[in-house]
PDB file of all heavy atoms in Angstrom:
ATOM      1  N   ASP A   1      70.183 105.472  -6.045  1.00  0.00           N
ATOM      2  CA  ASP A   1      70.184 105.928  -7.453  1.00  0.00           C
ATOM      3  C   ASP A   1      71.376 105.292  -8.165  1.00  0.00           C
ATOM      4  O   ASP A   1      72.501 105.642  -7.899  1.00  0.00           O
ATOM      5  CB  ASP A   1      70.235 107.453  -7.489  1.00  0.00           C
ATOM      6  CG  ASP A   1      70.432 107.989  -8.880  1.00  0.00           C
ATOM      7  OD1 ASP A   1      70.021 107.345  -9.824  1.00  0.00           O
ATOM      8  OD2 ASP A   1      71.086 109.091  -9.022  1.00  0.00           O
ATOM      9  N   LEU A   2      71.092 104.337  -9.081  1.00  0.00           N
ATOM     10  CA  LEU A   2      72.169 103.635  -9.817  1.00  0.00           C
ATOM     11  C   LEU A   2      72.264 104.184 -11.209  1.00  0.00           C
ATOM     12  O   LEU A   2      71.281 104.211 -11.935  1.00  0.00           O
ATOM     13  CB  LEU A   2      71.901 102.146  -9.820  1.00  0.00           C
ATOM     14  CG  LEU A   2      71.907 101.378  -8.505  1.00  0.00           C
ATOM     15  CD1 LEU A   2      70.496 101.297  -7.939  1.00  0.00           C
ATOM     16  CD2 LEU A   2      72.454  99.980  -8.697  1.00  0.00           C
ATOM     17  N   ALA A   3      73.462 104.634 -11.578  1.00  0.00           N
ATOM     18  CA  ALA A   3      73.713 105.119 -12.919  1.00  0.00           C
ATOM     19  C   ALA A   3      73.750 103.927 -13.910  1.00  0.00           C
ATOM     20  O   ALA A   3      73.490 102.795 -13.573  1.00  0.00           O
ATOM     21  CB  ALA A   3      74.990 105.906 -12.980  1.00  0.00           C
ATOM     22  N   GLU A   4      74.126 104.252 -15.194  1.00  0.00           N
ATOM     23  CA  GLU A   4      73.978 103.276 -16.239  1.00  0.00           C
ATOM     24  C   GLU A   4      74.788 101.995 -16.062  1.00  0.00           C
ATOM     25  O   GLU A   4      74.262 100.902 -16.263  1.00  0.00           O
ATOM     26  CB  GLU A   4      74.433 103.929 -17.583  1.00  0.00           C
ATOM     27  CG  GLU A   4      73.520 105.006 -18.098  1.00  0.00           C
ATOM     28  CD  GLU A   4      73.880 106.375 -17.569  1.00  0.00           C
ATOM     29  OE1 GLU A   4      74.755 106.437 -16.675  1.00  0.00           O
ATOM     30  OE2 GLU A   4      73.308 107.360 -18.053  1.00  0.00           O
ATOM     31  N   ILE A   5      76.037 102.069 -15.652  1.00  0.00           N
ATOM     32  CA  ILE A   5      76.816 100.865 -15.574  1.00  0.00           C
ATOM     33  C   ILE A   5      76.454  99.996 -14.373  1.00  0.00           C
ATOM     34  O   ILE A   5      76.346  98.766 -14.476  1.00  0.00           O
ATOM     35  CB  ILE A   5      78.358 101.234 -15.552  1.00  0.00           C
ATOM     36  CG1 ILE A   5      78.685 101.743 -16.958  1.00  0.00           C
ATOM     37  CG2 ILE A   5      79.233 100.042 -15.162  1.00  0.00           C
ATOM     38  CD1 ILE A   5      80.135 102.238 -17.106  1.00  0.00           C
ATOM     39  N   PRO A   6      76.228 100.564 -13.152  1.00  0.00           N
ATOM     40  CA  PRO A   6      75.720  99.725 -12.074  1.00  0.00           C
ATOM     41  C   PRO A   6      74.367  99.064 -12.412  1.00  0.00           C
ATOM     42  O   PRO A   6      74.106  97.955 -12.012  1.00  0.00           O
ATOM     43  CB  PRO A   6      75.569 100.701 -10.896  1.00  0.00           C
ATOM     44  CG  PRO A   6      76.570 101.740 -11.159  1.00  0.00           C
ATOM     45  CD  PRO A   6      76.557 101.908 -12.634  1.00  0.00           C
ATOM     46  N   THR A   7      73.527  99.777 -13.209  1.00  0.00           N
ATOM     47  CA  THR A   7      72.305  99.183 -13.618  1.00  0.00           C
ATOM     48  C   THR A   7      72.565  98.017 -14.582  1.00  0.00           C
ATOM     49  O   THR A   7      71.906  96.975 -14.470  1.00  0.00           O
ATOM     50  CB  THR A   7      71.428 100.250 -14.344  1.00  0.00           C
ATOM     51  OG1 THR A   7      71.045 101.257 -13.390  1.00  0.00           O
ATOM     52  CG2 THR A   7      70.153  99.614 -14.907  1.00  0.00           C
ATOM     53  N   ALA A   8      73.562  98.181 -15.470  1.00  0.00           N
ATOM     54  CA  ALA A   8      73.883  97.093 -16.391  1.00  0.00           C
ATOM     55  C   ALA A   8      74.373  95.867 -15.612  1.00  0.00           C
ATOM     56  O   ALA A   8      74.121  94.706 -16.020  1.00  0.00           O
ATOM     57  CB  ALA A   8      74.957  97.552 -17.379  1.00  0.00           C
ATOM     58  N   GLN A   9      75.034  96.084 -14.467  1.00  0.00           N
ATOM     59  CA  GLN A   9      75.504  94.985 -13.622  1.00  0.00           C
ATOM     60  C   GLN A   9      74.344  94.209 -13.006  1.00  0.00           C
ATOM     61  O   GLN A   9      74.504  93.045 -12.608  1.00  0.00           O
ATOM     62  CB  GLN A   9      76.436  95.462 -12.543  1.00  0.00           C
ATOM     63  CG  GLN A   9      77.807  95.931 -13.072  1.00  0.00           C
ATOM     64  CD  GLN A   9      78.713  96.417 -11.970  1.00  0.00           C
ATOM     65  OE1 GLN A   9      78.588  97.501 -11.457  1.00  0.00           O
ATOM     66  NE2 GLN A   9      79.667  95.588 -11.599  1.00  0.00           N
ATOM     67  N   LEU A  10      73.167  94.795 -12.948  1.00  0.00           N
ATOM     68  CA  LEU A  10      71.998  94.096 -12.425  1.00  0.00           C
ATOM     69  C   LEU A  10      71.470  93.081 -13.427  1.00  0.00           C
ATOM     70  O   LEU A  10      70.744  92.160 -13.032  1.00  0.00           O
ATOM     71  CB  LEU A  10      70.883  95.100 -12.094  1.00  0.00           C
ATOM     72  CG  LEU A  10      71.143  96.083 -10.972  1.00  0.00           C
ATOM     73  CD1 LEU A  10      69.981  97.063 -10.866  1.00  0.00           C
ATOM     74  CD2 LEU A  10      71.296  95.356  -9.662  1.00  0.00           C
ATOM     75  N   GLY A  11      71.866  93.211 -14.683  1.00  0.00           N
ATOM     76  CA  GLY A  11      71.428  92.270 -15.713  1.00  0.00           C
ATOM     77  C   GLY A  11      69.940  92.275 -15.901  1.00  0.00           C
ATOM     78  O   GLY A  11      69.294  93.321 -15.854  1.00  0.00           O
ATOM     79  N   ARG A  12      69.342  91.108 -16.091  1.00  0.00           N
ATOM     80  CA  ARG A  12      67.895  91.027 -16.343  1.00  0.00           C
ATOM     81  C   ARG A  12      67.065  91.171 -15.124  1.00  0.00           C
ATOM     82  O   ARG A  12      65.817  91.045 -15.179  1.00  0.00           O
ATOM     83  CB  ARG A  12      67.594  89.674 -17.043  1.00  0.00           C
ATOM     84  CG  ARG A  12      68.206  89.597 -18.452  1.00  0.00           C
ATOM     85  CD  ARG A  12      67.716  88.311 -19.167  1.00  0.00           C
ATOM     86  NE  ARG A  12      68.220  88.290 -20.526  1.00  0.00           N
ATOM     87  CZ  ARG A  12      67.585  88.822 -21.564  1.00  0.00           C
ATOM     88  NH1 ARG A  12      66.410  89.434 -21.373  1.00  0.00           N
ATOM     89  NH2 ARG A  12      68.070  88.756 -22.777  1.00  0.00           N
ATOM     90  N   ALA A  13      67.708  91.433 -13.954  1.00  0.00           N
ATOM     91  CA  ALA A  13      66.955  91.668 -12.776  1.00  0.00           C
ATOM     92  C   ALA A  13      66.027  92.885 -12.905  1.00  0.00           C
ATOM     93  O   ALA A  13      65.001  92.961 -12.231  1.00  0.00           O
ATOM     94  CB  ALA A  13      67.861  91.867 -11.582  1.00  0.00           C
ATOM     95  N   ILE A  14      66.394  93.833 -13.793  1.00  0.00           N
ATOM     96  CA  ILE A  14      65.563  95.035 -13.962  1.00  0.00           C
ATOM     97  C   ILE A  14      64.252  94.732 -14.697  1.00  0.00           C
ATOM     98  O   ILE A  14      63.383  95.582 -14.782  1.00  0.00           O
ATOM     99  CB  ILE A  14      66.330  96.164 -14.657  1.00  0.00           C
ATOM    100  CG1 ILE A  14      66.728  95.757 -16.090  1.00  0.00           C
ATOM    101  CG2 ILE A  14      67.530  96.568 -13.863  1.00  0.00           C
ATOM    102  CD1 ILE A  14      67.342  96.859 -16.888  1.00  0.00           C
ATOM    103  N   ASP A  15      64.135  93.503 -15.227  1.00  0.00           N
ATOM    104  CA  ASP A  15      62.852  93.124 -15.856  1.00  0.00           C
ATOM    105  C   ASP A  15      61.802  92.803 -14.861  1.00  0.00           C
ATOM    106  O   ASP A  15      60.617  92.715 -15.197  1.00  0.00           O
ATOM    107  CB  ASP A  15      63.083  91.933 -16.822  1.00  0.00           C
ATOM    108  CG  ASP A  15      63.889  92.317 -18.020  1.00  0.00           C
ATOM    109  OD1 ASP A  15      64.046  93.553 -18.305  1.00  0.00           O
ATOM    110  OD2 ASP A  15      64.418  91.427 -18.724  1.00  0.00           O
ATOM    111  N   ASP A  16      62.151  92.556 -13.602  1.00  0.00           N
ATOM    112  CA  ASP A  16      61.161  92.292 -12.533  1.00  0.00           C
ATOM    113  C   ASP A  16      61.461  93.284 -11.422  1.00  0.00           C
ATOM    114  O   ASP A  16      62.123  92.981 -10.434  1.00  0.00           O
ATOM    115  CB  ASP A  16      61.310  90.848 -12.035  1.00  0.00           C
ATOM    116  CG  ASP A  16      60.193  90.428 -11.074  1.00  0.00           C
ATOM    117  OD1 ASP A  16      59.489  91.344 -10.603  1.00  0.00           O
ATOM    118  OD2 ASP A  16      60.077  89.231 -10.772  1.00  0.00           O
ATOM    119  N   LEU A  17      60.893  94.484 -11.557  1.00  0.00           N
ATOM    120  CA  LEU A  17      61.224  95.569 -10.653  1.00  0.00           C
ATOM    121  C   LEU A  17      60.749  95.325  -9.225  1.00  0.00           C
ATOM    122  O   LEU A  17      61.471  95.648  -8.269  1.00  0.00           O
ATOM    123  CB  LEU A  17      60.656  96.895 -11.191  1.00  0.00           C
ATOM    124  CG  LEU A  17      61.262  97.378 -12.489  1.00  0.00           C
ATOM    125  CD1 LEU A  17      60.601  98.644 -12.982  1.00  0.00           C
ATOM    126  CD2 LEU A  17      62.790  97.587 -12.331  1.00  0.00           C
ATOM    127  N   PRO A  18      59.535  94.793  -8.974  1.00  0.00           N
ATOM    128  CA  PRO A  18      59.128  94.535  -7.587  1.00  0.00           C
ATOM    129  C   PRO A  18      60.075  93.584  -6.878  1.00  0.00           C
ATOM    130  O   PRO A  18      60.430  93.793  -5.697  1.00  0.00           O
ATOM    131  CB  PRO A  18      57.703  93.972  -7.745  1.00  0.00           C
ATOM    132  CG  PRO A  18      57.207  94.517  -9.038  1.00  0.00           C
ATOM    133  CD  PRO A  18      58.393  94.546  -9.921  1.00  0.00           C
ATOM    134  N   ALA A  19      60.468  92.482  -7.570  1.00  0.00           N
ATOM    135  CA  ALA A  19      61.372  91.540  -6.951  1.00  0.00           C
ATOM    136  C   ALA A  19      62.722  92.185  -6.689  1.00  0.00           C
ATOM    137  O   ALA A  19      63.375  91.970  -5.631  1.00  0.00           O
ATOM    138  CB  ALA A  19      61.535  90.293  -7.836  1.00  0.00           C
ATOM    139  N   LEU A  20      63.186  93.009  -7.643  1.00  0.00           N
ATOM    140  CA  LEU A  20      64.459  93.710  -7.459  1.00  0.00           C
ATOM    141  C   LEU A  20      64.414  94.619  -6.253  1.00  0.00           C
ATOM    142  O   LEU A  20      65.359  94.638  -5.416  1.00  0.00           O
ATOM    143  CB  LEU A  20      64.765  94.508  -8.742  1.00  0.00           C
ATOM    144  CG  LEU A  20      65.969  95.478  -8.656  1.00  0.00           C
ATOM    145  CD1 LEU A  20      67.281  94.708  -8.432  1.00  0.00           C
ATOM    146  CD2 LEU A  20      66.040  96.363  -9.892  1.00  0.00           C
ATOM    147  N   ALA A  21      63.346  95.381  -6.120  1.00  0.00           N
ATOM    148  CA  ALA A  21      63.209  96.330  -4.982  1.00  0.00           C
ATOM    149  C   ALA A  21      63.234  95.569  -3.651  1.00  0.00           C
ATOM    150  O   ALA A  21      63.920  95.951  -2.718  1.00  0.00           O
ATOM    151  CB  ALA A  21      61.941  97.146  -5.136  1.00  0.00           C
ATOM    152  N   GLY A  22      62.416  94.485  -3.559  1.00  0.00           N
ATOM    153  CA  GLY A  22      62.359  93.728  -2.302  1.00  0.00           C
ATOM    154  C   GLY A  22      63.702  93.146  -1.938  1.00  0.00           C
ATOM    155  O   GLY A  22      64.086  93.190  -0.753  1.00  0.00           O
ATOM    156  N   ARG A  23      64.399  92.600  -2.902  1.00  0.00           N
ATOM    157  CA  ARG A  23      65.671  91.975  -2.630  1.00  0.00           C
ATOM    158  C   ARG A  23      66.733  93.032  -2.211  1.00  0.00           C
ATOM    159  O   ARG A  23      67.469  92.829  -1.248  1.00  0.00           O
ATOM    160  CB  ARG A  23      66.180  91.234  -3.868  1.00  0.00           C
ATOM    161  CG  ARG A  23      67.440  90.455  -3.681  1.00  0.00           C
ATOM    162  CD  ARG A  23      67.707  89.546  -4.880  1.00  0.00           C
ATOM    163  NE  ARG A  23      67.831  90.268  -6.114  1.00  0.00           N
ATOM    164  CZ  ARG A  23      66.834  90.237  -7.060  1.00  0.00           C
ATOM    165  NH1 ARG A  23      65.744  89.509  -6.872  1.00  0.00           N
ATOM    166  NH2 ARG A  23      66.967  90.891  -8.191  1.00  0.00           N
ATOM    167  N   GLU A  24      66.783  94.119  -2.957  1.00  0.00           N
ATOM    168  CA  GLU A  24      67.789  95.136  -2.630  1.00  0.00           C
ATOM    169  C   GLU A  24      67.497  95.818  -1.293  1.00  0.00           C
ATOM    170  O   GLU A  24      68.406  96.160  -0.520  1.00  0.00           O
ATOM    171  CB  GLU A  24      67.833  96.196  -3.762  1.00  0.00           C
ATOM    172  CG  GLU A  24      68.358  95.669  -5.079  1.00  0.00           C
ATOM    173  CD  GLU A  24      69.833  95.194  -4.991  1.00  0.00           C
ATOM    174  OE1 GLU A  24      70.606  95.885  -4.308  1.00  0.00           O
ATOM    175  OE2 GLU A  24      70.142  94.149  -5.588  1.00  0.00           O
ATOM    176  N   CYS A  25      66.223  96.075  -0.986  1.00  0.00           N
ATOM    177  CA  CYS A  25      65.855  96.716   0.275  1.00  0.00           C
ATOM    178  C   CYS A  25      66.162  95.799   1.461  1.00  0.00           C
ATOM    179  O   CYS A  25      66.575  96.238   2.531  1.00  0.00           O
ATOM    180  CB  CYS A  25      64.414  97.163   0.279  1.00  0.00           C
ATOM    181  SG  CYS A  25      64.097  98.597  -0.800  1.00  0.00           S
ATOM    182  N   ALA A  26      65.924  94.514   1.266  1.00  0.00           N
ATOM    183  CA  ALA A  26      66.215  93.561   2.358  1.00  0.00           C
ATOM    184  C   ALA A  26      67.749  93.504   2.601  1.00  0.00           C
ATOM    185  O   ALA A  26      68.183  93.418   3.789  1.00  0.00           O
ATOM    186  CB  ALA A  26      65.728  92.168   1.974  1.00  0.00           C
ATOM    187  N   THR A  27      68.548  93.590   1.562  1.00  0.00           N
ATOM    188  CA  THR A  27      69.973  93.598   1.724  1.00  0.00           C
ATOM    189  C   THR A  27      70.407  94.916   2.368  1.00  0.00           C
ATOM    190  O   THR A  27      71.303  94.920   3.259  1.00  0.00           O
ATOM    191  CB  THR A  27      70.681  93.485   0.360  1.00  0.00           C
ATOM    192  OG1 THR A  27      70.282  92.211  -0.261  1.00  0.00           O
ATOM    193  CG2 THR A  27      72.160  93.539   0.501  1.00  0.00           C
ATOM    194  N   THR A  28      69.789  96.045   2.018  1.00  0.00           N
ATOM    195  CA  THR A  28      70.134  97.343   2.571  1.00  0.00           C
ATOM    196  C   THR A  28      69.848  97.367   4.065  1.00  0.00           C
ATOM    197  O   THR A  28      70.616  97.899   4.853  1.00  0.00           O
ATOM    198  CB  THR A  28      69.291  98.443   1.866  1.00  0.00           C
ATOM    199  OG1 THR A  28      69.700  98.505   0.492  1.00  0.00           O
ATOM    200  CG2 THR A  28      69.533  99.804   2.541  1.00  0.00           C
ATOM    201  N   ALA A  29      68.749  96.725   4.502  1.00  0.00           N
ATOM    202  CA  ALA A  29      68.360  96.757   5.924  1.00  0.00           C
ATOM    203  C   ALA A  29      69.476  96.233   6.807  1.00  0.00           C
ATOM    204  O   ALA A  29      69.665  96.686   7.936  1.00  0.00           O
ATOM    205  CB  ALA A  29      67.095  95.982   6.143  1.00  0.00           C
ATOM    206  N   ARG A  30      70.229  95.277   6.307  1.00  0.00           N
ATOM    207  CA  ARG A  30      71.299  94.673   7.124  1.00  0.00           C
ATOM    208  C   ARG A  30      72.473  95.590   7.287  1.00  0.00           C
ATOM    209  O   ARG A  30      73.361  95.350   8.138  1.00  0.00           O
ATOM    210  CB  ARG A  30      71.756  93.354   6.455  1.00  0.00           C
ATOM    211  CG  ARG A  30      70.667  92.286   6.470  1.00  0.00           C
ATOM    212  CD  ARG A  30      71.257  90.919   6.124  1.00  0.00           C
ATOM    213  NE  ARG A  30      71.656  90.833   4.735  1.00  0.00           N
ATOM    214  CZ  ARG A  30      70.874  90.381   3.765  1.00  0.00           C
ATOM    215  NH1 ARG A  30      69.602  90.008   4.040  1.00  0.00           N
ATOM    216  NH2 ARG A  30      71.312  90.285   2.535  1.00  0.00           N
ATOM    217  N   GLY A  31      72.535  96.680   6.474  1.00  0.00           N
ATOM    218  CA  GLY A  31      73.627  97.604   6.589  1.00  0.00           C
ATOM    219  C   GLY A  31      73.316  98.929   7.230  1.00  0.00           C
ATOM    220  O   GLY A  31      74.114  99.846   7.274  1.00  0.00           O
ATOM    221  N   LEU A  32      72.083  99.056   7.768  1.00  0.00           N
ATOM    222  CA  LEU A  32      71.644 100.267   8.458  1.00  0.00           C
ATOM    223  C   LEU A  32      71.584 100.047   9.932  1.00  0.00           C
ATOM    224  O   LEU A  32      70.832  99.163  10.387  1.00  0.00           O
ATOM    225  CB  LEU A  32      70.291 100.728   7.928  1.00  0.00           C
ATOM    226  CG  LEU A  32      70.178 100.991   6.402  1.00  0.00           C
ATOM    227  CD1 LEU A  32      68.749 101.441   6.046  1.00  0.00           C
ATOM    228  CD2 LEU A  32      71.242 102.002   5.933  1.00  0.00           C
ATOM    229  N   ASP A  33      72.345 100.795  10.717  1.00  0.00           N
ATOM    230  CA  ASP A  33      72.389 100.636  12.142  1.00  0.00           C
ATOM    231  C   ASP A  33      71.772 101.850  12.832  1.00  0.00           C
ATOM    232  O   ASP A  33      72.202 102.998  12.587  1.00  0.00           O
ATOM    233  CB  ASP A  33      73.846 100.464  12.634  1.00  0.00           C
ATOM    234  CG  ASP A  33      74.485  99.178  12.159  1.00  0.00           C
ATOM    235  OD1 ASP A  33      73.718  98.222  11.904  1.00  0.00           O
ATOM    236  OD2 ASP A  33      75.725  99.137  12.033  1.00  0.00           O
ATOM    237  N   LEU A  34      70.757 101.610  13.667  1.00  0.00           N
ATOM    238  CA  LEU A  34      70.066 102.693  14.376  1.00  0.00           C
ATOM    239  C   LEU A  34      70.041 102.354  15.858  1.00  0.00           C
ATOM    240  O   LEU A  34      69.808 101.215  16.263  1.00  0.00           O
ATOM    241  CB  LEU A  34      68.650 102.833  13.862  1.00  0.00           C
ATOM    242  CG  LEU A  34      67.746 103.905  14.505  1.00  0.00           C
ATOM    243  CD1 LEU A  34      68.241 105.320  14.128  1.00  0.00           C
ATOM    244  CD2 LEU A  34      66.295 103.720  14.104  1.00  0.00           C
ATOM    245  N   SER A  35      70.281 103.357  16.681  1.00  0.00           N
ATOM    246  CA  SER A  35      70.220 103.120  18.127  1.00  0.00           C
ATOM    247  C   SER A  35      69.646 104.384  18.807  1.00  0.00           C
ATOM    248  O   SER A  35      69.793 105.521  18.323  1.00  0.00           O
ATOM    249  CB  SER A  35      71.594 102.825  18.733  1.00  0.00           C
ATOM    250  OG  SER A  35      72.447 103.928  18.586  1.00  0.00           O
ATOM    251  N   ALA A  36      68.929 104.178  19.938  1.00  0.00           N
ATOM    252  CA  ALA A  36      68.370 105.243  20.734  1.00  0.00           C
ATOM    253  C   ALA A  36      68.815 105.067  22.168  1.00  0.00           C
ATOM    254  O   ALA A  36      68.595 103.978  22.756  1.00  0.00           O
ATOM    255  CB  ALA A  36      66.852 105.267  20.627  1.00  0.00           C
ATOM    256  N   ALA A  37      69.450 106.067  22.724  1.00  0.00           N
ATOM    257  CA  ALA A  37      69.960 106.028  24.110  1.00  0.00           C
ATOM    258  C   ALA A  37      70.871 104.835  24.336  1.00  0.00           C
ATOM    259  O   ALA A  37      70.810 104.149  25.341  1.00  0.00           O
ATOM    260  CB  ALA A  37      68.806 106.012  25.097  1.00  0.00           C
TER     261      ALA A  37
END
């Protein structure tokens, strides 16, 4: 959830929401660590 100023830092990327979501989620995946046993 990005408030107004972080959203402004996205610039015109918010005009293409599907591309924005794909790019941000791909970046997020690299920062999530999961392990079992």
